[in-house]
Amino acid sequence: MSRTRLATTRLAMTRLAIRITTIAAVAFPLFTAAGCGTSVGLDVSRKFQEAQQTFDQARSPEDFLRAAALYQEIIDQGVVSGAVLYNRGNALMEAGQRGRAIAAFRQAKRYRPRDPYLEANLRYALAAAGPAARQRSIIDYLLFWQDWLSYSEKFYLTAAAAAATFLLGVLGLFAWRKLFNRLALAGCTLVLLLALSAGLDWYRYDCIRHGVIVREEVVARKGNSTGYEPAFTEPLTEGAEFRLVQRRGDWLLVHLAGGQEGWIEADSAVLY
């Protein structure tokens, strides 16, 4: 290949990298702004303090349920907070509602993945529960940082990497072309991997409904009524996690980690 043709090919690749990263630099901040949180007002801060005080002074399951309800009021106002979800999970756990606590801890993990106390409390809540709803796949091993970064951090890093790659691509048009162009291409690969990681979280959290059994025992059936035969030889126990497949009225078709599916009554589980 001639030097002229090689230079033209490199220039085309650089321009492609610039286009890709420009799109990413614009798109991912929009996704971030749309789904990663809202500002906290004074009323929310007061509500959080009230909930924390109620939790600290709680002496009975009913007291802890009142604290959990206050944390839920904060969430219902549109506040996305790992701390609120974590504290709500603790209150529910103290109230003896292990299934609902697991759901709260799972949601908190999206925003506080490196919190050792949250991880310990989740493991404790899962100790006597059924199999997890999701097992690690090949892509989880490829994107090894998937469980290290929060939902929002993945979008922020993708946007930052896209902006840096765009800058490298522009610099490669004017000086030290070989170096900057190689760095821009390496940056493009990093942006694509980070985008895949963020997109995977978006799919898991925004496109799939998850759930947890909240009754002591639930009989899953082969159809959406009590007239159908049980789907499994043993009932599902509180804390068992699943993925929602379909909903028909007051019945849910759930998918368990082992691949089994069955219908359960909607009020026997909590969805998130």
C-alpha atoms as a PDB file:
ATOM      1  CA  MET A   1       0.000   0.000   0.000  1.00  0.00           C
ATOM      2  CA  SER A   2       1.417   3.432  -0.909  1.00  0.00           C
ATOM      3  CA  ARG A   3       2.148   6.068   1.700  1.00  0.00           C
ATOM      4  CA  THR A   4      -0.474   8.367   0.192  1.00  0.00           C
ATOM      5  CA  ARG A   5      -3.157   5.694   0.363  1.00  0.00           C
ATOM      6  CA  LEU A   6      -2.093   4.720   3.888  1.00  0.00           C
ATOM      7  CA  ALA A   7      -2.284   8.332   5.025  1.00  0.00           C
ATOM      8  CA  THR A   8      -5.724   8.682   3.427  1.00  0.00           C
ATOM      9  CA  THR A   9      -6.922   5.548   5.220  1.00  0.00           C
ATOM     10  CA  ARG A  10      -5.632   6.792   8.565  1.00  0.00           C
ATOM     11  CA  LEU A  11      -7.278  10.173   8.001  1.00  0.00           C
ATOM     12  CA  ALA A  12     -10.589   8.459   7.215  1.00  0.00           C
ATOM     13  CA  MET A  13     -10.317   6.326  10.359  1.00  0.00           C
ATOM     14  CA  THR A  14      -9.542   9.403  12.421  1.00  0.00           C
ATOM     15  CA  ARG A  15     -12.548  11.230  10.997  1.00  0.00           C
ATOM     16  CA  LEU A  16     -14.701   8.198  11.766  1.00  0.00           C
ATOM     17  CA  ALA A  17     -13.396   8.162  15.326  1.00  0.00           C
ATOM     18  CA  ILE A  18     -14.208  11.849  15.668  1.00  0.00           C
ATOM     19  CA  ARG A  19     -17.754  11.314  14.404  1.00  0.00           C
ATOM     20  CA  ILE A  20     -18.353   8.379  16.734  1.00  0.00           C
ATOM     21  CA  THR A  21     -16.999  10.146  19.777  1.00  0.00           C
ATOM     22  CA  THR A  22     -18.858  13.345  18.947  1.00  0.00           C
ATOM     23  CA  ILE A  23     -22.135  11.434  18.935  1.00  0.00           C
ATOM     24  CA  ALA A  24     -21.204   9.681  22.166  1.00  0.00           C
ATOM     25  CA  ALA A  25     -20.112  12.912  23.820  1.00  0.00           C
ATOM     26  CA  VAL A  26     -23.506  14.446  23.083  1.00  0.00           C
ATOM     27  CA  ALA A  27     -25.716  11.395  23.657  1.00  0.00           C
ATOM     28  CA  PHE A  28     -24.407  10.080  26.947  1.00  0.00           C
ATOM     29  CA  PRO A  29     -24.706  13.311  28.924  1.00  0.00           C
ATOM     30  CA  LEU A  30     -28.327  13.418  27.791  1.00  0.00           C
ATOM     31  CA  PHE A  31     -28.886   9.864  29.059  1.00  0.00           C
ATOM     32  CA  THR A  32     -27.137  10.826  32.283  1.00  0.00           C
ATOM     33  CA  ALA A  33     -29.277  13.901  32.816  1.00  0.00           C
ATOM     34  CA  ALA A  34     -32.409  11.939  32.027  1.00  0.00           C
ATOM     35  CA  GLY A  35     -31.924   8.977  34.337  1.00  0.00           C
ATOM     36  CA  CYS A  36     -29.292   9.400  37.008  1.00  0.00           C
ATOM     37  CA  GLY A  37     -30.826  11.578  39.658  1.00  0.00           C
ATOM     38  CA  THR A  38     -32.440  14.826  40.710  1.00  0.00           C
ATOM     39  CA  SER A  39     -31.462  17.608  43.068  1.00  0.00           C
ATOM     40  CA  VAL A  40     -32.347  17.256  46.731  1.00  0.00           C
ATOM     41  CA  GLY A  41     -34.542  19.989  48.218  1.00  0.00           C
ATOM     42  CA  LEU A  42     -34.868  21.206  51.790  1.00  0.00           C
ATOM     43  CA  ASP A  43     -38.104  19.278  52.336  1.00  0.00           C
ATOM     44  CA  VAL A  44     -36.403  16.061  51.235  1.00  0.00           C
ATOM     45  CA  SER A  45     -33.526  16.682  53.644  1.00  0.00           C
ATOM     46  CA  ARG A  46     -35.995  17.180  56.487  1.00  0.00           C
ATOM     47  CA  LYS A  47     -37.853  14.026  55.524  1.00  0.00           C
ATOM     48  CA  PHE A  48     -34.578  12.084  55.492  1.00  0.00           C
ATOM     49  CA  GLN A  49     -33.694  13.372  58.972  1.00  0.00           C
ATOM     50  CA  GLU A  50     -37.165  12.428  60.215  1.00  0.00           C
ATOM     51  CA  ALA A  51     -36.824   8.937  58.750  1.00  0.00           C
ATOM     52  CA  GLN A  52     -33.370   8.493  60.275  1.00  0.00           C
ATOM     53  CA  GLN A  53     -34.578   9.670  63.664  1.00  0.00           C
ATOM     54  CA  THR A  54     -37.546   7.300  63.474  1.00  0.00           C
ATOM     55  CA  PHE A  55     -35.184   4.442  62.634  1.00  0.00           C
ATOM     56  CA  ASP A  56     -32.789   5.279  65.468  1.00  0.00           C
ATOM     57  CA  GLN A  57     -35.624   5.409  68.004  1.00  0.00           C
ATOM     58  CA  ALA A  58     -37.447   2.328  66.699  1.00  0.00           C
ATOM     59  CA  ARG A  59     -38.067  -0.469  69.183  1.00  0.00           C
ATOM     60  CA  SER A  60     -40.605  -2.661  67.392  1.00  0.00           C
ATOM     61  CA  PRO A  61     -41.279  -3.965  63.858  1.00  0.00           C
ATOM     62  CA  GLU A  62     -44.047  -1.374  63.527  1.00  0.00           C
ATOM     63  CA  ASP A  63     -41.591   1.428  64.335  1.00  0.00           C
ATOM     64  CA  PHE A  64     -39.166   0.190  61.698  1.00  0.00           C
ATOM     65  CA  LEU A  65     -42.007  -0.035  59.169  1.00  0.00           C
ATOM     66  CA  ARG A  66     -42.815   3.627  59.836  1.00  0.00           C
ATOM     67  CA  ALA A  67     -39.183   4.501  59.122  1.00  0.00           C
ATOM     68  CA  ALA A  68     -39.299   2.455  55.904  1.00  0.00           C
ATOM     69  CA  ALA A  69     -42.479   4.293  54.871  1.00  0.00           C
ATOM     70  CA  LEU A  70     -40.766   7.655  55.372  1.00  0.00           C
ATOM     71  CA  TYR A  71     -37.846   6.576  53.199  1.00  0.00           C
ATOM     72  CA  GLN A  72     -40.353   5.407  50.589  1.00  0.00           C
ATOM     73  CA  GLU A  73     -41.961   8.859  50.592  1.00  0.00           C
ATOM     74  CA  ILE A  74     -38.582  10.334  49.644  1.00  0.00           C
ATOM     75  CA  ILE A  75     -38.239   7.833  46.789  1.00  0.00           C
ATOM     76  CA  ASP A  76     -41.789   8.592  45.613  1.00  0.00           C
ATOM     77  CA  GLN A  77     -40.768  12.250  45.236  1.00  0.00           C
ATOM     78  CA  GLY A  78     -38.380  11.180  42.477  1.00  0.00           C
ATOM     79  CA  VAL A  79     -35.181  11.216  44.515  1.00  0.00           C
ATOM     80  CA  VAL A  80     -32.694   8.621  43.264  1.00  0.00           C
ATOM     81  CA  SER A  81     -30.387   7.859  46.179  1.00  0.00           C
ATOM     82  CA  GLY A  82     -28.434   4.788  47.130  1.00  0.00           C
ATOM     83  CA  ALA A  83     -28.351   5.994  50.740  1.00  0.00           C
ATOM     84  CA  VAL A  84     -32.152   6.230  50.963  1.00  0.00           C
ATOM     85  CA  LEU A  85     -32.622   2.804  49.382  1.00  0.00           C
ATOM     86  CA  TYR A  86     -29.984   1.297  51.656  1.00  0.00           C
ATOM     87  CA  ASN A  87     -31.542   2.757  54.798  1.00  0.00           C
ATOM     88  CA  ARG A  88     -34.987   1.640  53.692  1.00  0.00           C
ATOM     89  CA  GLY A  89     -33.611  -1.879  53.246  1.00  0.00           C
ATOM     90  CA  ASN A  90     -32.188  -1.803  56.766  1.00  0.00           C
ATOM     91  CA  ALA A  91     -35.536  -0.669  58.186  1.00  0.00           C
ATOM     92  CA  LEU A  92     -37.404  -3.402  56.332  1.00  0.00           C
ATOM     93  CA  MET A  93     -34.891  -5.997  57.491  1.00  0.00           C
ATOM     94  CA  GLU A  94     -35.346  -4.927  61.104  1.00  0.00           C
ATOM     95  CA  ALA A  95     -39.115  -5.126  60.594  1.00  0.00           C
ATOM     96  CA  GLY A  96     -38.784  -8.757  59.527  1.00  0.00           C
ATOM     97  CA  GLN A  97     -39.632  -8.158  55.849  1.00  0.00           C
ATOM     98  CA  ARG A  98     -36.612  -9.831  54.298  1.00  0.00           C
ATOM     99  CA  GLY A  99     -37.989 -10.034  50.773  1.00  0.00           C
ATOM    100  CA  ARG A 100     -38.716  -6.322  50.547  1.00  0.00           C
ATOM    101  CA  ALA A 101     -35.340  -5.575  52.135  1.00  0.00           C
ATOM    102  CA  ILE A 102     -33.568  -7.566  49.413  1.00  0.00           C
ATOM    103  CA  ALA A 103     -35.364  -5.554  46.743  1.00  0.00           C
ATOM    104  CA  ALA A 104     -34.269  -2.287  48.400  1.00  0.00           C
ATOM    105  CA  PHE A 105     -30.667  -3.483  48.768  1.00  0.00           C
ATOM    106  CA  ARG A 106     -30.564  -4.595  45.122  1.00  0.00           C
ATOM    107  CA  GLN A 107     -31.682  -1.162  43.997  1.00  0.00           C
ATOM    108  CA  ALA A 108     -29.182   0.534  46.310  1.00  0.00           C
ATOM    109  CA  LYS A 109     -26.361  -1.566  44.779  1.00  0.00           C
ATOM    110  CA  ARG A 110     -26.935   0.205  41.469  1.00  0.00           C
ATOM    111  CA  TYR A 111     -25.754   3.454  43.043  1.00  0.00           C
ATOM    112  CA  ARG A 112     -23.427   2.198  45.822  1.00  0.00           C
ATOM    113  CA  PRO A 113     -21.677  -0.846  44.348  1.00  0.00           C
ATOM    114  CA  ARG A 114     -18.543  -0.524  46.497  1.00  0.00           C
ATOM    115  CA  ASP A 115     -20.257  -0.041  49.863  1.00  0.00           C
ATOM    116  CA  PRO A 116     -19.010  -2.943  52.064  1.00  0.00           C
ATOM    117  CA  TYR A 117     -21.828  -2.521  54.603  1.00  0.00           C
ATOM    118  CA  LEU A 118     -24.457  -2.690  51.886  1.00  0.00           C
ATOM    119  CA  GLU A 119     -22.820  -5.798  50.442  1.00  0.00           C
ATOM    120  CA  ALA A 120     -22.685  -7.441  53.873  1.00  0.00           C
ATOM    121  CA  ASN A 121     -26.332  -6.659  54.625  1.00  0.00           C
ATOM    122  CA  LEU A 122     -27.440  -7.941  51.238  1.00  0.00           C
ATOM    123  CA  ARG A 123     -25.539 -11.185  51.706  1.00  0.00           C
ATOM    124  CA  TYR A 124     -27.090 -11.603  55.145  1.00  0.00           C
ATOM    125  CA  ALA A 125     -30.577 -11.042  53.735  1.00  0.00           C
ATOM    126  CA  LEU A 126     -29.917 -13.540  50.938  1.00  0.00           C
ATOM    127  CA  ALA A 127     -28.504 -16.204  53.267  1.00  0.00           C
ATOM    128  CA  ALA A 128     -31.740 -18.160  53.569  1.00  0.00           C
ATOM    129  CA  ALA A 129     -33.298 -17.077  50.266  1.00  0.00           C
ATOM    130  CA  GLY A 130     -33.667 -18.936  47.006  1.00  0.00           C
ATOM    131  CA  PRO A 131     -31.284 -18.724  44.021  1.00  0.00           C
ATOM    132  CA  ALA A 132     -30.381 -15.323  42.639  1.00  0.00           C
ATOM    133  CA  ALA A 133     -32.293 -14.037  39.651  1.00  0.00           C
ATOM    134  CA  ARG A 134     -29.186 -13.508  37.535  1.00  0.00           C
ATOM    135  CA  GLN A 135     -25.956 -15.471  37.263  1.00  0.00           C
ATOM    136  CA  ARG A 136     -22.697 -14.124  35.878  1.00  0.00           C
ATOM    137  CA  SER A 137     -22.334 -14.451  32.122  1.00  0.00           C
ATOM    138  CA  ILE A 138     -19.403 -14.214  29.721  1.00  0.00           C
ATOM    139  CA  ILE A 139     -20.030 -10.515  29.192  1.00  0.00           C
ATOM    140  CA  ASP A 140     -19.754  -9.938  32.949  1.00  0.00           C
ATOM    141  CA  TYR A 141     -16.255 -11.390  32.876  1.00  0.00           C
ATOM    142  CA  LEU A 142     -15.369  -9.343  29.773  1.00  0.00           C
ATOM    143  CA  LEU A 143     -16.619  -6.145  31.415  1.00  0.00           C
ATOM    144  CA  PHE A 144     -14.929  -7.001  34.708  1.00  0.00           C
ATOM    145  CA  TRP A 145     -15.548  -3.519  36.136  1.00  0.00           C
ATOM    146  CA  GLN A 146     -19.312  -3.922  35.757  1.00  0.00           C
ATOM    147  CA  ASP A 147     -19.934  -4.421  39.476  1.00  0.00           C
ATOM    148  CA  TRP A 148     -17.341  -1.875  40.588  1.00  0.00           C
ATOM    149  CA  LEU A 149     -18.961   1.230  39.119  1.00  0.00           C
ATOM    150  CA  SER A 150     -22.385   2.648  39.829  1.00  0.00           C
ATOM    151  CA  TYR A 151     -25.096   3.109  37.224  1.00  0.00           C
ATOM    152  CA  SER A 152     -24.417   6.844  36.867  1.00  0.00           C
ATOM    153  CA  GLU A 153     -20.618   6.493  37.012  1.00  0.00           C
ATOM    154  CA  LYS A 154     -20.649   4.360  33.869  1.00  0.00           C
ATOM    155  CA  PHE A 155     -22.444   7.099  31.925  1.00  0.00           C
ATOM    156  CA  TYR A 156     -20.176   9.832  33.279  1.00  0.00           C
ATOM    157  CA  LEU A 157     -17.023   7.863  32.388  1.00  0.00           C
ATOM    158  CA  THR A 158     -18.340   7.114  28.916  1.00  0.00           C
ATOM    159  CA  ALA A 159     -19.012  10.795  28.283  1.00  0.00           C
ATOM    160  CA  ALA A 160     -15.577  11.770  29.651  1.00  0.00           C
ATOM    161  CA  ALA A 161     -13.787   9.145  27.560  1.00  0.00           C
ATOM    162  CA  ALA A 162     -15.713  10.245  24.456  1.00  0.00           C
ATOM    163  CA  ALA A 163     -14.745  13.881  25.014  1.00  0.00           C
ATOM    164  CA  ALA A 164     -11.073  12.965  25.561  1.00  0.00           C
ATOM    165  CA  THR A 165     -11.034  10.789  22.445  1.00  0.00           C
ATOM    166  CA  PHE A 166     -12.601  13.588  20.414  1.00  0.00           C
ATOM    167  CA  LEU A 167      -9.875  15.962  21.600  1.00  0.00           C
ATOM    168  CA  LEU A 168      -7.149  13.445  20.690  1.00  0.00           C
ATOM    169  CA  GLY A 169      -8.688  13.009  17.248  1.00  0.00           C
ATOM    170  CA  VAL A 170      -8.695  16.765  16.658  1.00  0.00           C
ATOM    171  CA  LEU A 171      -5.078  17.126  17.841  1.00  0.00           C
ATOM    172  CA  GLY A 172      -4.103  14.306  15.488  1.00  0.00           C
ATOM    173  CA  LEU A 173      -5.146  16.460  12.556  1.00  0.00           C
ATOM    174  CA  PHE A 174      -2.594  19.130  13.383  1.00  0.00           C
ATOM    175  CA  ALA A 175       0.422  17.730  15.248  1.00  0.00           C
ATOM    176  CA  TRP A 176       2.082  14.420  16.147  1.00  0.00           C
ATOM    177  CA  ARG A 177      -0.434  12.685  13.937  1.00  0.00           C
ATOM    178  CA  LYS A 178       0.793   9.130  14.416  1.00  0.00           C
ATOM    179  CA  LEU A 179       0.760   9.351  18.216  1.00  0.00           C
ATOM    180  CA  PHE A 180      -2.547  11.197  18.569  1.00  0.00           C
ATOM    181  CA  ASN A 181      -4.285   9.096  15.940  1.00  0.00           C
ATOM    182  CA  ARG A 182      -3.275   5.880  17.700  1.00  0.00           C
ATOM    183  CA  LEU A 183      -4.413   7.277  21.023  1.00  0.00           C
ATOM    184  CA  ALA A 184      -7.707   8.348  19.434  1.00  0.00           C
ATOM    185  CA  LEU A 185      -8.300   4.858  18.041  1.00  0.00           C
ATOM    186  CA  ALA A 186      -7.468   3.332  21.437  1.00  0.00           C
ATOM    187  CA  GLY A 187      -9.845   5.832  23.005  1.00  0.00           C
ATOM    188  CA  CYS A 188     -12.549   4.801  20.550  1.00  0.00           C
ATOM    189  CA  THR A 189     -12.199   1.203  21.722  1.00  0.00           C
ATOM    190  CA  LEU A 190     -12.454   2.317  25.338  1.00  0.00           C
ATOM    191  CA  VAL A 191     -15.533   4.429  24.584  1.00  0.00           C
ATOM    192  CA  LEU A 192     -17.240   1.498  22.882  1.00  0.00           C
ATOM    193  CA  LEU A 193     -16.512  -0.799  25.837  1.00  0.00           C
ATOM    194  CA  LEU A 194     -17.752   1.771  28.349  1.00  0.00           C
ATOM    195  CA  ALA A 195     -20.820   2.416  26.204  1.00  0.00           C
ATOM    196  CA  LEU A 196     -21.505  -1.318  26.126  1.00  0.00           C
ATOM    197  CA  SER A 197     -21.157  -1.432  29.904  1.00  0.00           C
ATOM    198  CA  ALA A 198     -23.516   1.512  30.420  1.00  0.00           C
ATOM    199  CA  GLY A 199     -25.945   0.145  27.859  1.00  0.00           C
ATOM    200  CA  LEU A 200     -25.986  -3.214  29.620  1.00  0.00           C
ATOM    201  CA  ASP A 201     -26.938  -1.515  32.878  1.00  0.00           C
ATOM    202  CA  TRP A 202     -29.621   0.491  31.090  1.00  0.00           C
ATOM    203  CA  TYR A 203     -31.069  -2.723  29.661  1.00  0.00           C
ATOM    204  CA  ARG A 204     -30.943  -4.558  32.986  1.00  0.00           C
ATOM    205  CA  TYR A 205     -32.361  -1.758  35.068  1.00  0.00           C
ATOM    206  CA  ASP A 206     -34.740   0.110  32.742  1.00  0.00           C
ATOM    207  CA  CYS A 207     -35.897  -2.589  30.324  1.00  0.00           C
ATOM    208  CA  ILE A 208     -36.218  -5.591  32.652  1.00  0.00           C
ATOM    209  CA  ARG A 209     -38.451  -5.800  35.709  1.00  0.00           C
ATOM    210  CA  HIS A 210     -37.021  -7.728  38.621  1.00  0.00           C
ATOM    211  CA  GLY A 211     -38.839  -9.034  41.671  1.00  0.00           C
ATOM    212  CA  VAL A 212     -38.546 -10.742  45.044  1.00  0.00           C
ATOM    213  CA  ILE A 213     -40.950 -13.082  46.847  1.00  0.00           C
ATOM    214  CA  VAL A 214     -42.260 -11.385  50.015  1.00  0.00           C
ATOM    215  CA  ARG A 215     -44.391 -14.192  51.488  1.00  0.00           C
ATOM    216  CA  GLU A 216     -43.050 -17.031  53.591  1.00  0.00           C
ATOM    217  CA  GLU A 217     -44.046 -19.565  50.912  1.00  0.00           C
ATOM    218  CA  VAL A 218     -45.582 -19.146  47.472  1.00  0.00           C
ATOM    219  CA  VAL A 219     -46.813 -21.910  45.188  1.00  0.00           C
ATOM    220  CA  ALA A 220     -45.908 -21.132  41.577  1.00  0.00           C
ATOM    221  CA  ARG A 221     -48.399 -22.584  39.104  1.00  0.00           C
ATOM    222  CA  LYS A 222     -48.442 -23.612  35.453  1.00  0.00           C
ATOM    223  CA  GLY A 223     -51.116 -21.049  34.648  1.00  0.00           C
ATOM    224  CA  ASN A 224     -52.516 -17.779  35.925  1.00  0.00           C
ATOM    225  CA  SER A 225     -55.063 -19.143  38.412  1.00  0.00           C
ATOM    226  CA  THR A 226     -55.187 -21.375  41.477  1.00  0.00           C
ATOM    227  CA  GLY A 227     -56.815 -24.073  39.370  1.00  0.00           C
ATOM    228  CA  TYR A 228     -53.540 -24.917  37.632  1.00  0.00           C
ATOM    229  CA  GLU A 229     -51.090 -27.476  38.962  1.00  0.00           C
ATOM    230  CA  PRO A 230     -47.960 -26.353  40.802  1.00  0.00           C
ATOM    231  CA  ALA A 231     -45.094 -25.532  38.460  1.00  0.00           C
ATOM    232  CA  PHE A 232     -42.418 -26.772  40.864  1.00  0.00           C
ATOM    233  CA  THR A 233     -42.153 -29.590  43.372  1.00  0.00           C
ATOM    234  CA  GLU A 234     -41.479 -27.109  46.200  1.00  0.00           C
ATOM    235  CA  PRO A 235     -42.924 -23.654  46.888  1.00  0.00           C
ATOM    236  CA  LEU A 236     -40.870 -20.498  46.481  1.00  0.00           C
ATOM    237  CA  THR A 237     -39.691 -19.012  49.754  1.00  0.00           C
ATOM    238  CA  GLU A 238     -39.388 -15.414  50.897  1.00  0.00           C
ATOM    239  CA  GLY A 239     -36.386 -13.694  49.365  1.00  0.00           C
ATOM    240  CA  ALA A 240     -36.336 -15.776  46.171  1.00  0.00           C
ATOM    241  CA  GLU A 241     -35.499 -13.484  43.243  1.00  0.00           C
ATOM    242  CA  PHE A 242     -36.864 -13.594  39.722  1.00  0.00           C
ATOM    243  CA  ARG A 243     -37.237 -11.736  36.438  1.00  0.00           C
ATOM    244  CA  LEU A 244     -40.717 -10.712  35.333  1.00  0.00           C
ATOM    245  CA  VAL A 245     -41.732 -12.232  31.995  1.00  0.00           C
ATOM    246  CA  GLN A 246     -45.406 -11.307  31.748  1.00  0.00           C
ATOM    247  CA  ARG A 247     -48.302  -9.977  33.766  1.00  0.00           C
ATOM    248  CA  ARG A 248     -51.937 -11.009  33.432  1.00  0.00           C
ATOM    249  CA  GLY A 249     -54.248  -9.235  35.825  1.00  0.00           C
ATOM    250  CA  ASP A 250     -53.243 -10.229  39.352  1.00  0.00           C
ATOM    251  CA  TRP A 251     -50.782 -12.907  38.209  1.00  0.00           C
ATOM    252  CA  LEU A 252     -47.106 -12.719  37.278  1.00  0.00           C
ATOM    253  CA  LEU A 253     -45.146 -15.081  35.063  1.00  0.00           C
ATOM    254  CA  VAL A 254     -41.689 -15.223  36.645  1.00  0.00           C
ATOM    255  CA  HIS A 255     -38.354 -16.564  35.389  1.00  0.00           C
ATOM    256  CA  LEU A 256     -35.963 -18.011  37.989  1.00  0.00           C
ATOM    257  CA  ALA A 257     -32.185 -18.275  37.814  1.00  0.00           C
ATOM    258  CA  GLY A 258     -32.275 -21.951  36.849  1.00  0.00           C
ATOM    259  CA  GLY A 259     -34.493 -21.229  33.837  1.00  0.00           C
ATOM    260  CA  GLN A 260     -37.772 -22.399  35.408  1.00  0.00           C
ATOM    261  CA  GLU A 261     -40.913 -20.359  34.897  1.00  0.00           C
ATOM    262  CA  GLY A 262     -44.176 -20.267  36.788  1.00  0.00           C
ATOM    263  CA  TRP A 263     -47.142 -18.063  37.639  1.00  0.00           C
ATOM    264  CA  ILE A 264     -47.477 -16.421  41.057  1.00  0.00           C
ATOM    265  CA  GLU A 265     -50.012 -14.011  42.533  1.00  0.00           C
ATOM    266  CA  ALA A 266     -48.892 -10.397  42.191  1.00  0.00           C
ATOM    267  CA  ASP A 267     -49.373  -9.540  45.862  1.00  0.00           C
ATOM    268  CA  SER A 268     -46.921 -12.271  46.864  1.00  0.00           C
ATOM    269  CA  ALA A 269     -43.965 -10.386  45.427  1.00  0.00           C
ATOM    270  CA  VAL A 270     -42.513  -6.898  45.077  1.00  0.00           C
ATOM    271  CA  LEU A 271     -41.291  -5.605  41.703  1.00  0.00           C
ATOM    272  CA  TYR A 272     -38.588  -3.048  41.011  1.00  0.00           C
END
